[in-house]
Amino acid sequence: MLVDSSVARSFAVLGWTRHLLLLTGGTILLAEGVHGAHPDDPSELRGIIRALERQAHEAGLGSGEGGRALAAVQGLEEMLALDPGKLVVLVPEADLFRYRNKSA
């Protein structure tokens, strides 16, 4: 099952990655951009982690809000650390981006 960043984030921040794996038959599929195929690639989920880390720091590490933000970071990092057979980034092939004139 292909999931977007909001679904992946929602399950991960609750610590429910295992539930998402059950719902998806053992493989979470993400589109390129939601998470990069390589560590330097753009990733919405890594951006969410950075935002949550800033939120935790700004709220204060001992605060309830800061603690929730750090728990969310942990859940997302656990999801992104899944075995590549369980977390698959789908990358479109180059020929899908070429314009095809069907009338020619």
PDB file of N, CA and C in Angstrom:
ATOM      1  N   MET A   1       0.848  -1.177   0.000  1.00  0.00           N
ATOM      2  CA  MET A   1       0.000   0.000   0.000  1.00  0.00           C
ATOM      3  C   MET A   1       0.889   1.234   0.000  1.00  0.00           C
ATOM      4  N   LEU A   2       0.615   2.154  -0.898  1.00  0.00           N
ATOM      5  CA  LEU A   2       1.337   3.415  -0.986  1.00  0.00           C
ATOM      6  C   LEU A   2       0.736   4.386   0.024  1.00  0.00           C
ATOM      7  N   VAL A   3       1.583   4.934   0.896  1.00  0.00           N
ATOM      8  CA  VAL A   3       1.108   5.897   1.894  1.00  0.00           C
ATOM      9  C   VAL A   3       1.788   7.243   1.659  1.00  0.00           C
ATOM     10  N   ASP A   4       1.082   8.304   1.981  1.00  0.00           N
ATOM     11  CA  ASP A   4       1.665   9.638   1.838  1.00  0.00           C
ATOM     12  C   ASP A   4       2.314  10.048   3.148  1.00  0.00           C
ATOM     13  N   SER A   5       2.902  11.240   3.146  1.00  0.00           N
ATOM     14  CA  SER A   5       3.647  11.669   4.332  1.00  0.00           C
ATOM     15  C   SER A   5       2.746  11.848   5.552  1.00  0.00           C
ATOM     16  N   SER A   6       1.509  12.297   5.368  1.00  0.00           N
ATOM     17  CA  SER A   6       0.643  12.504   6.533  1.00  0.00           C
ATOM     18  C   SER A   6       0.250  11.176   7.181  1.00  0.00           C
ATOM     19  N   VAL A   7       0.004  10.156   6.381  1.00  0.00           N
ATOM     20  CA  VAL A   7      -0.326   8.836   6.946  1.00  0.00           C
ATOM     21  C   VAL A   7       0.893   8.247   7.638  1.00  0.00           C
ATOM     22  N   ALA A   8       2.040   8.286   6.972  1.00  0.00           N
ATOM     23  CA  ALA A   8       3.263   7.752   7.574  1.00  0.00           C
ATOM     24  C   ALA A   8       3.574   8.476   8.875  1.00  0.00           C
ATOM     25  N   ARG A   9       3.466   9.795   8.860  1.00  0.00           N
ATOM     26  CA  ARG A   9       3.738  10.589  10.063  1.00  0.00           C
ATOM     27  C   ARG A   9       2.760  10.236  11.180  1.00  0.00           C
ATOM     28  N   SER A  10       1.491  10.169  10.850  1.00  0.00           N
ATOM     29  CA  SER A  10       0.481   9.896  11.878  1.00  0.00           C
ATOM     30  C   SER A  10       0.723   8.567  12.589  1.00  0.00           C
ATOM     31  N   PHE A  11       1.005   7.536  11.834  1.00  0.00           N
ATOM     32  CA  PHE A  11       1.275   6.241  12.455  1.00  0.00           C
ATOM     33  C   PHE A  11       2.581   6.264  13.234  1.00  0.00           C
ATOM     34  N   ALA A  12       3.612   6.871  12.661  1.00  0.00           N
ATOM     35  CA  ALA A  12       4.926   6.868  13.294  1.00  0.00           C
ATOM     36  C   ALA A  12       4.936   7.645  14.600  1.00  0.00           C
ATOM     37  N   VAL A  13       4.315   8.824  14.628  1.00  0.00           N
ATOM     38  CA  VAL A  13       4.376   9.629  15.847  1.00  0.00           C
ATOM     39  C   VAL A  13       3.600   8.982  16.994  1.00  0.00           C
ATOM     40  N   LEU A  14       2.667   8.113  16.664  1.00  0.00           N
ATOM     41  CA  LEU A  14       1.953   7.374  17.706  1.00  0.00           C
ATOM     42  C   LEU A  14       2.694   6.116  18.138  1.00  0.00           C
ATOM     43  N   GLY A  15       3.798   5.827  17.432  1.00  0.00           N
ATOM     44  CA  GLY A  15       4.529   4.592  17.715  1.00  0.00           C
ATOM     45  C   GLY A  15       3.818   3.375  17.155  1.00  0.00           C
ATOM     46  N   TRP A  16       3.027   3.577  16.107  1.00  0.00           N
ATOM     47  CA  TRP A  16       2.206   2.504  15.536  1.00  0.00           C
ATOM     48  C   TRP A  16       2.733   1.988  14.201  1.00  0.00           C
ATOM     49  N   THR A  17       4.030   2.091  13.985  1.00  0.00           N
ATOM     50  CA  THR A  17       4.595   1.604  12.730  1.00  0.00           C
ATOM     51  C   THR A  17       4.260   0.137  12.516  1.00  0.00           C
ATOM     52  N   ARG A  18       4.295  -0.654  13.579  1.00  0.00           N
ATOM     53  CA  ARG A  18       3.973  -2.088  13.434  1.00  0.00           C
ATOM     54  C   ARG A  18       2.534  -2.293  12.965  1.00  0.00           C
ATOM     55  N   HIS A  19       1.626  -1.424  13.390  1.00  0.00           N
ATOM     56  CA  HIS A  19       0.232  -1.519  12.938  1.00  0.00           C
ATOM     57  C   HIS A  19       0.121  -1.165  11.448  1.00  0.00           C
ATOM     58  N   LEU A  20       0.873  -0.144  11.039  1.00  0.00           N
ATOM     59  CA  LEU A  20       0.867   0.229   9.623  1.00  0.00           C
ATOM     60  C   LEU A  20       1.437  -0.910   8.783  1.00  0.00           C
ATOM     61  N   LEU A  21       2.475  -1.558   9.272  1.00  0.00           N
ATOM     62  CA  LEU A  21       3.033  -2.715   8.560  1.00  0.00           C
ATOM     63  C   LEU A  21       1.987  -3.823   8.419  1.00  0.00           C
ATOM     64  N   LEU A  22       1.211  -4.060   9.453  1.00  0.00           N
ATOM     65  CA  LEU A  22       0.154  -5.079   9.378  1.00  0.00           C
ATOM     66  C   LEU A  22      -0.900  -4.693   8.346  1.00  0.00           C
ATOM     67  N   LEU A  23      -1.289  -3.418   8.346  1.00  0.00           N
ATOM     68  CA  LEU A  23      -2.308  -2.952   7.402  1.00  0.00           C
ATOM     69  C   LEU A  23      -1.835  -3.009   5.953  1.00  0.00           C
ATOM     70  N   THR A  24      -0.533  -2.836   5.754  1.00  0.00           N
ATOM     71  CA  THR A  24       0.007  -2.800   4.396  1.00  0.00           C
ATOM     72  C   THR A  24       0.551  -4.147   3.945  1.00  0.00           C
ATOM     73  N   GLY A  25       0.317  -5.180   4.706  1.00  0.00           N
ATOM     74  CA  GLY A  25       0.799  -6.503   4.320  1.00  0.00           C
ATOM     75  C   GLY A  25       2.289  -6.693   4.512  1.00  0.00           C
ATOM     76  N   GLY A  26       2.908  -5.883   5.345  1.00  0.00           N
ATOM     77  CA  GLY A  26       4.316  -6.055   5.671  1.00  0.00           C
ATOM     78  C   GLY A  26       5.269  -5.161   4.907  1.00  0.00           C
ATOM     79  N   THR A  27       4.739  -4.339   3.989  1.00  0.00           N
ATOM     80  CA  THR A  27       5.599  -3.432   3.229  1.00  0.00           C
ATOM     81  C   THR A  27       4.939  -2.065   3.118  1.00  0.00           C
ATOM     82  N   ILE A  28       5.638  -1.046   3.602  1.00  0.00           N
ATOM     83  CA  ILE A  28       5.163   0.327   3.482  1.00  0.00           C
ATOM     84  C   ILE A  28       5.805   0.912   2.234  1.00  0.00           C
ATOM     85  N   LEU A  29       4.982   1.356   1.306  1.00  0.00           N
ATOM     86  CA  LEU A  29       5.472   1.970   0.072  1.00  0.00           C
ATOM     87  C   LEU A  29       5.348   3.485   0.189  1.00  0.00           C
ATOM     88  N   LEU A  30       6.445   4.185  -0.092  1.00  0.00           N
ATOM     89  CA  LEU A  30       6.469   5.643  -0.056  1.00  0.00           C
ATOM     90  C   LEU A  30       6.895   6.171  -1.415  1.00  0.00           C
ATOM     91  N   ALA A  31       6.290   7.241  -1.844  1.00  0.00           N
ATOM     92  CA  ALA A  31       6.710   7.891  -3.087  1.00  0.00           C
ATOM     93  C   ALA A  31       8.010   8.636  -2.850  1.00  0.00           C
ATOM     94  N   GLU A  32       8.819   8.698  -3.900  1.00  0.00           N
ATOM     95  CA  GLU A  32      10.040   9.486  -3.832  1.00  0.00           C
ATOM     96  C   GLU A  32       9.640  10.921  -3.511  1.00  0.00           C
ATOM     97  N   GLY A  33      10.303  11.522  -2.588  1.00  0.00           N
ATOM     98  CA  GLY A  33       9.955  12.867  -2.118  1.00  0.00           C
ATOM     99  C   GLY A  33       9.340  12.792  -0.745  1.00  0.00           C
ATOM    100  N   VAL A  34       8.417  11.835  -0.543  1.00  0.00           N
ATOM    101  CA  VAL A  34       7.922  11.590   0.807  1.00  0.00           C
ATOM    102  C   VAL A  34       9.107  11.123   1.641  1.00  0.00           C
ATOM    103  N   HIS A  35       9.899  10.255   1.038  1.00  0.00           N
ATOM    104  CA  HIS A  35      11.177   9.858   1.617  1.00  0.00           C
ATOM    105  C   HIS A  35      12.116   9.577   0.462  1.00  0.00           C
ATOM    106  N   GLY A  36      13.340  10.000   0.577  1.00  0.00           N
ATOM    107  CA  GLY A  36      14.302   9.825  -0.499  1.00  0.00           C
ATOM    108  C   GLY A  36      14.839   8.415  -0.560  1.00  0.00           C
ATOM    109  N   ALA A  37      15.156   7.989  -1.757  1.00  0.00           N
ATOM    110  CA  ALA A  37      15.741   6.669  -1.948  1.00  0.00           C
ATOM    111  C   ALA A  37      17.166   6.631  -1.406  1.00  0.00           C
ATOM    112  N   HIS A  38      17.806   7.794  -1.326  1.00  0.00           N
ATOM    113  CA  HIS A  38      19.181   7.902  -0.823  1.00  0.00           C
ATOM    114  C   HIS A  38      19.202   8.949   0.292  1.00  0.00           C
ATOM    115  N   PRO A  39      20.153   8.856   1.220  1.00  0.00           N
ATOM    116  CA  PRO A  39      20.172   9.781   2.362  1.00  0.00           C
ATOM    117  C   PRO A  39      20.213  11.266   2.000  1.00  0.00           C
ATOM    118  N   ASP A  40      20.780  11.622   0.860  1.00  0.00           N
ATOM    119  CA  ASP A  40      20.854  13.040   0.483  1.00  0.00           C
ATOM    120  C   ASP A  40      19.653  13.517  -0.324  1.00  0.00           C
ATOM    121  N   ASP A  41      18.745  12.619  -0.683  1.00  0.00           N
ATOM    122  CA  ASP A  41      17.570  12.975  -1.465  1.00  0.00           C
ATOM    123  C   ASP A  41      16.570  13.757  -0.612  1.00  0.00           C
ATOM    124  N   PRO A  42      15.747  14.605  -1.248  1.00  0.00           N
ATOM    125  CA  PRO A  42      14.696  15.311  -0.506  1.00  0.00           C
ATOM    126  C   PRO A  42      13.755  14.315   0.179  1.00  0.00           C
ATOM    127  N   SER A  43      13.303  14.684   1.378  1.00  0.00           N
ATOM    128  CA  SER A  43      12.426  13.809   2.140  1.00  0.00           C
ATOM    129  C   SER A  43      11.503  14.644   3.019  1.00  0.00           C
ATOM    130  N   GLU A  44      10.209  14.557   2.740  1.00  0.00           N
ATOM    131  CA  GLU A  44       9.231  15.245   3.592  1.00  0.00           C
ATOM    132  C   GLU A  44       9.326  14.745   5.028  1.00  0.00           C
ATOM    133  N   LEU A  45       9.541  13.448   5.196  1.00  0.00           N
ATOM    134  CA  LEU A  45       9.583  12.884   6.543  1.00  0.00           C
ATOM    135  C   LEU A  45      10.801  13.372   7.325  1.00  0.00           C
ATOM    136  N   ARG A  46      11.942  13.513   6.668  1.00  0.00           N
ATOM    137  CA  ARG A  46      13.112  14.077   7.362  1.00  0.00           C
ATOM    138  C   ARG A  46      12.853  15.541   7.729  1.00  0.00           C
ATOM    139  N   GLY A  47      12.157  16.262   6.851  1.00  0.00           N
ATOM    140  CA  GLY A  47      11.794  17.641   7.161  1.00  0.00           C
ATOM    141  C   GLY A  47      10.878  17.724   8.377  1.00  0.00           C
ATOM    142  N   ILE A  48       9.961  16.785   8.491  1.00  0.00           N
ATOM    143  CA  ILE A  48       9.067  16.737   9.652  1.00  0.00           C
ATOM    144  C   ILE A  48       9.868  16.461  10.917  1.00  0.00           C
ATOM    145  N   ILE A  49      10.854  15.566  10.820  1.00  0.00           N
ATOM    146  CA  ILE A  49      11.710  15.273  11.976  1.00  0.00           C
ATOM    147  C   ILE A  49      12.432  16.545  12.418  1.00  0.00           C
ATOM    148  N   ARG A  50      13.015  17.273  11.480  1.00  0.00           N
ATOM    149  CA  ARG A  50      13.729  18.505  11.832  1.00  0.00           C
ATOM    150  C   ARG A  50      12.788  19.525  12.490  1.00  0.00           C
ATOM    151  N   ALA A  51      11.568  19.639  11.975  1.00  0.00           N
ATOM    152  CA  ALA A  51      10.600  20.573  12.561  1.00  0.00           C
ATOM    153  C   ALA A  51      10.215  20.159  13.980  1.00  0.00           C
ATOM    154  N   LEU A  52      10.041  18.867  14.193  1.00  0.00           N
ATOM    155  CA  LEU A  52       9.702  18.380  15.530  1.00  0.00           C
ATOM    156  C   LEU A  52      10.867  18.571  16.512  1.00  0.00           C
ATOM    157  N   GLU A  53      12.085  18.404  16.018  1.00  0.00           N
ATOM    158  CA  GLU A  53      13.253  18.653  16.877  1.00  0.00           C
ATOM    159  C   GLU A  53      13.325  20.121  17.287  1.00  0.00           C
ATOM    160  N   ARG A  54      13.048  21.030  16.339  1.00  0.00           N
ATOM    161  CA  ARG A  54      13.008  22.469  16.668  1.00  0.00           C
ATOM    162  C   ARG A  54      11.907  22.750  17.686  1.00  0.00           C
ATOM    163  N   GLN A  55      10.744  22.131  17.472  1.00  0.00           N
ATOM    164  CA  GLN A  55       9.615  22.327  18.384  1.00  0.00           C
ATOM    165  C   GLN A  55       9.988  21.870  19.791  1.00  0.00           C
ATOM    166  N   ALA A  56      10.641  20.721  19.907  1.00  0.00           N
ATOM    167  CA  ALA A  56      11.045  20.207  21.226  1.00  0.00           C
ATOM    168  C   ALA A  56      12.029  21.150  21.889  1.00  0.00           C
ATOM    169  N   HIS A  57      12.974  21.651  21.125  1.00  0.00           N
ATOM    170  CA  HIS A  57      13.981  22.563  21.674  1.00  0.00           C
ATOM    171  C   HIS A  57      13.333  23.869  22.138  1.00  0.00           C
ATOM    172  N   GLU A  58      12.436  24.414  21.316  1.00  0.00           N
ATOM    173  CA  GLU A  58      11.777  25.680  21.648  1.00  0.00           C
ATOM    174  C   GLU A  58      10.836  25.539  22.846  1.00  0.00           C
ATOM    175  N   ALA A  59      10.191  24.383  22.964  1.00  0.00           N
ATOM    176  CA  ALA A  59       9.242  24.160  24.061  1.00  0.00           C
ATOM    177  C   ALA A  59       9.962  23.877  25.371  1.00  0.00           C
ATOM    178  N   GLY A  60      11.187  23.423  25.281  1.00  0.00           N
ATOM    179  CA  GLY A  60      11.922  23.043  26.491  1.00  0.00           C
ATOM    180  C   GLY A  60      11.886  21.534  26.644  1.00  0.00           C
ATOM    181  N   LEU A  61      13.051  20.955  26.794  1.00  0.00           N
ATOM    182  CA  LEU A  61      13.153  19.499  26.800  1.00  0.00           C
ATOM    183  C   LEU A  61      12.419  18.842  27.964  1.00  0.00           C
ATOM    184  N   GLY A  62      12.167  19.563  29.032  1.00  0.00           N
ATOM    185  CA  GLY A  62      11.450  18.975  30.161  1.00  0.00           C
ATOM    186  C   GLY A  62       9.946  19.184  30.098  1.00  0.00           C
ATOM    187  N   SER A  63       9.480  19.923  29.107  1.00  0.00           N
ATOM    188  CA  SER A  63       8.052  20.227  29.024  1.00  0.00           C
ATOM    189  C   SER A  63       7.280  19.078  28.392  1.00  0.00           C
ATOM    190  N   GLY A  64       5.981  19.081  28.602  1.00  0.00           N
ATOM    191  CA  GLY A  64       5.129  18.072  27.984  1.00  0.00           C
ATOM    192  C   GLY A  64       5.145  18.165  26.472  1.00  0.00           C
ATOM    193  N   GLU A  65       5.080  19.379  25.947  1.00  0.00           N
ATOM    194  CA  GLU A  65       5.110  19.572  24.497  1.00  0.00           C
ATOM    195  C   GLU A  65       6.441  19.102  23.917  1.00  0.00           C
ATOM    196  N   GLY A  66       7.527  19.426  24.602  1.00  0.00           N
ATOM    197  CA  GLY A  66       8.848  18.988  24.145  1.00  0.00           C
ATOM    198  C   GLY A  66       8.979  17.475  24.181  1.00  0.00           C
ATOM    199  N   GLY A  67       8.441  16.870  25.212  1.00  0.00           N
ATOM    200  CA  GLY A  67       8.484  15.401  25.322  1.00  0.00           C
ATOM    201  C   GLY A  67       7.687  14.720  24.230  1.00  0.00           C
ATOM    202  N   ARG A  68       6.516  15.269  23.917  1.00  0.00           N
ATOM    203  CA  ARG A  68       5.701  14.696  22.838  1.00  0.00           C
ATOM    204  C   ARG A  68       6.399  14.839  21.493  1.00  0.00           C
ATOM    205  N   ALA A  69       7.042  15.990  21.276  1.00  0.00           N
ATOM    206  CA  ALA A  69       7.760  16.198  20.021  1.00  0.00           C
ATOM    207  C   ALA A  69       8.917  15.210  19.892  1.00  0.00           C
ATOM    208  N   LEU A  70       9.648  14.981  20.989  1.00  0.00           N
ATOM    209  CA  LEU A  70      10.757  14.022  20.941  1.00  0.00           C
ATOM    210  C   LEU A  70      10.260  12.595  20.742  1.00  0.00           C
ATOM    211  N   ALA A  71       9.115  12.265  21.326  1.00  0.00           N
ATOM    212  CA  ALA A  71       8.534  10.926  21.118  1.00  0.00           C
ATOM    213  C   ALA A  71       8.138  10.757  19.648  1.00  0.00           C
ATOM    214  N   ALA A  72       7.624  11.819  19.046  1.00  0.00           N
ATOM    215  CA  ALA A  72       7.264  11.775  17.632  1.00  0.00           C
ATOM    216  C   ALA A  72       8.508  11.589  16.768  1.00  0.00           C
ATOM    217  N   VAL A  73       9.589  12.291  17.117  1.00  0.00           N
ATOM    218  CA  VAL A  73      10.859  12.132  16.399  1.00  0.00           C
ATOM    219  C   VAL A  73      11.316  10.681  16.475  1.00  0.00           C
ATOM    220  N   GLN A  74      11.246  10.110  17.666  1.00  0.00           N
ATOM    221  CA  GLN A  74      11.676   8.722  17.840  1.00  0.00           C
ATOM    222  C   GLN A  74      10.848   7.777  16.970  1.00  0.00           C
ATOM    223  N   GLY A  75       9.532   7.982  16.934  1.00  0.00           N
ATOM    224  CA  GLY A  75       8.673   7.128  16.125  1.00  0.00           C
ATOM    225  C   GLY A  75       8.994   7.234  14.636  1.00  0.00           C
ATOM    226  N   LEU A  76       9.240   8.452  14.160  1.00  0.00           N
ATOM    227  CA  LEU A  76       9.587   8.638  12.749  1.00  0.00           C
ATOM    228  C   LEU A  76      10.945   8.024  12.430  1.00  0.00           C
ATOM    229  N   GLU A  77      11.907   8.215  13.318  1.00  0.00           N
ATOM    230  CA  GLU A  77      13.230   7.634  13.080  1.00  0.00           C
ATOM    231  C   GLU A  77      13.172   6.109  13.062  1.00  0.00           C
ATOM    232  N   GLU A  78      12.343   5.537  13.916  1.00  0.00           N
ATOM    233  CA  GLU A  78      12.185   4.071  13.914  1.00  0.00           C
ATOM    234  C   GLU A  78      11.580   3.597  12.591  1.00  0.00           C
ATOM    235  N   MET A  79      10.596   4.340  12.079  1.00  0.00           N
ATOM    236  CA  MET A  79       9.999   3.961  10.803  1.00  0.00           C
ATOM    237  C   MET A  79      11.038   4.044   9.686  1.00  0.00           C
ATOM    238  N   LEU A  80      11.800   5.134   9.638  1.00  0.00           N
ATOM    239  CA  LEU A  80      12.779   5.316   8.573  1.00  0.00           C
ATOM    240  C   LEU A  80      13.941   4.334   8.676  1.00  0.00           C
ATOM    241  N   ALA A  81      14.111   3.716   9.834  1.00  0.00           N
ATOM    242  CA  ALA A  81      15.182   2.732  10.020  1.00  0.00           C
ATOM    243  C   ALA A  81      14.730   1.308   9.685  1.00  0.00           C
ATOM    244  N   LEU A  82      13.488   1.149   9.231  1.00  0.00           N
ATOM    245  CA  LEU A  82      13.005  -0.188   8.878  1.00  0.00           C
ATOM    246  C   LEU A  82      13.868  -0.812   7.792  1.00  0.00           C
ATOM    247  N   ASP A  83      13.906  -2.118   7.785  1.00  0.00           N
ATOM    248  CA  ASP A  83      14.596  -2.878   6.749  1.00  0.00           C
ATOM    249  C   ASP A  83      14.092  -2.428   5.380  1.00  0.00           C
ATOM    250  N   PRO A  84      14.988  -2.315   4.373  1.00  0.00           N
ATOM    251  CA  PRO A  84      14.560  -1.879   3.036  1.00  0.00           C
ATOM    252  C   PRO A  84      13.461  -2.742   2.413  1.00  0.00           C
ATOM    253  N   GLY A  85      13.285  -3.965   2.873  1.00  0.00           N
ATOM    254  CA  GLY A  85      12.195  -4.795   2.371  1.00  0.00           C
ATOM    255  C   GLY A  85      10.854  -4.420   2.974  1.00  0.00           C
ATOM    256  N   LYS A  86      10.872  -3.663   4.079  1.00  0.00           N
ATOM    257  CA  LYS A  86       9.635  -3.249   4.745  1.00  0.00           C
ATOM    258  C   LYS A  86       9.272  -1.797   4.466  1.00  0.00           C
ATOM    259  N   LEU A  87      10.266  -0.991   4.135  1.00  0.00           N
ATOM    260  CA  LEU A  87      10.048   0.411   3.800  1.00  0.00           C
ATOM    261  C   LEU A  87      10.662   0.635   2.420  1.00  0.00           C
ATOM    262  N   VAL A  88       9.802   0.745   1.413  1.00  0.00           N
ATOM    263  CA  VAL A  88      10.255   0.811   0.022  1.00  0.00           C
ATOM    264  C   VAL A  88       9.905   2.175  -0.554  1.00  0.00           C
ATOM    265  N   VAL A  89      10.917   2.835  -1.130  1.00  0.00           N
ATOM    266  CA  VAL A  89      10.706   4.116  -1.800  1.00  0.00           C
ATOM    267  C   VAL A  89      10.514   3.831  -3.282  1.00  0.00           C
ATOM    268  N   LEU A  90       9.386   4.260  -3.820  1.00  0.00           N
ATOM    269  CA  LEU A  90       9.080   4.057  -5.234  1.00  0.00           C
ATOM    270  C   LEU A  90       9.609   5.229  -6.048  1.00  0.00           C
ATOM    271  N   VAL A  91      10.467   4.922  -7.006  1.00  0.00           N
ATOM    272  CA  VAL A  91      11.067   5.937  -7.859  1.00  0.00           C
ATOM    273  C   VAL A  91      10.569   5.717  -9.283  1.00  0.00           C
ATOM    274  N   PRO A  92       9.883   6.713  -9.865  1.00  0.00           N
ATOM    275  CA  PRO A  92       9.388   6.536 -11.235  1.00  0.00           C
ATOM    276  C   PRO A  92      10.547   6.427 -12.224  1.00  0.00           C
ATOM    277  N   GLU A  93      10.345   5.646 -13.252  1.00  0.00           N
ATOM    278  CA  GLU A  93      11.351   5.504 -14.293  1.00  0.00           C
ATOM    279  C   GLU A  93      11.350   6.743 -15.175  1.00  0.00           C
ATOM    280  N   ALA A  94      12.495   7.066 -15.742  1.00  0.00           N
ATOM    281  CA  ALA A  94      12.655   8.294 -16.529  1.00  0.00           C
ATOM    282  C   ALA A  94      11.671   8.376 -17.689  1.00  0.00           C
ATOM    283  N   ASP A  95      11.356   7.259 -18.311  1.00  0.00           N
ATOM    284  CA  ASP A  95      10.458   7.318 -19.475  1.00  0.00           C
ATOM    285  C   ASP A  95       9.033   7.722 -19.110  1.00  0.00           C
ATOM    286  N   LEU A  96       8.677   7.664 -17.840  1.00  0.00           N
ATOM    287  CA  LEU A  96       7.341   8.107 -17.425  1.00  0.00           C
ATOM    288  C   LEU A  96       7.193   9.621 -17.504  1.00  0.00           C
ATOM    289  N   PHE A  97       8.323  10.323 -17.540  1.00  0.00           N
ATOM    290  CA  PHE A  97       8.280  11.782 -17.566  1.00  0.00           C
ATOM    291  C   PHE A  97       8.292  12.342 -18.984  1.00  0.00           C
ATOM    292  N   ARG A  98       8.505  11.517 -19.964  1.00  0.00           N
ATOM    293  CA  ARG A  98       8.526  11.964 -21.349  1.00  0.00           C
ATOM    294  C   ARG A  98       7.109  12.142 -21.857  1.00  0.00           C
ATOM    295  N   TYR A  99       6.916  13.217 -22.594  1.00  0.00           N
ATOM    296  CA  TYR A  99       5.610  13.473 -23.196  1.00  0.00           C
ATOM    297  C   TYR A  99       5.426  12.518 -24.363  1.00  0.00           C
ATOM    298  N   ARG A 100       4.292  11.896 -24.394  1.00  0.00           N
ATOM    299  CA  ARG A 100       3.988  10.992 -25.503  1.00  0.00           C
ATOM    300  C   ARG A 100       2.823  11.553 -26.294  1.00  0.00           C
ATOM    301  N   ASN A 101       3.062  11.845 -27.540  1.00  0.00           N
ATOM    302  CA  ASN A 101       2.027  12.362 -28.419  1.00  0.00           C
ATOM    303  C   ASN A 101       1.297  11.149 -29.021  1.00  0.00           C
ATOM    304  N   LYS A 102       0.115  10.875 -28.523  1.00  0.00           N
ATOM    305  CA  LYS A 102      -0.626   9.693 -28.956  1.00  0.00           C
ATOM    306  C   LYS A 102      -1.161   9.816 -30.375  1.00  0.00           C
ATOM    307  N   SER A 103      -1.251  11.046 -30.894  1.00  0.00           N
ATOM    308  CA  SER A 103      -1.781  11.211 -32.257  1.00  0.00           C
ATOM    309  C   SER A 103      -0.702  11.026 -33.320  1.00  0.00           C
ATOM    310  N   ALA A 104       0.551  10.994 -32.899  1.00  0.00           N
ATOM    311  CA  ALA A 104       1.645  10.846 -33.893  1.00  0.00           C
ATOM    312  C   ALA A 104       1.848   9.407 -34.295  1.00  0.00           C
TER     313      ALA A 104
END
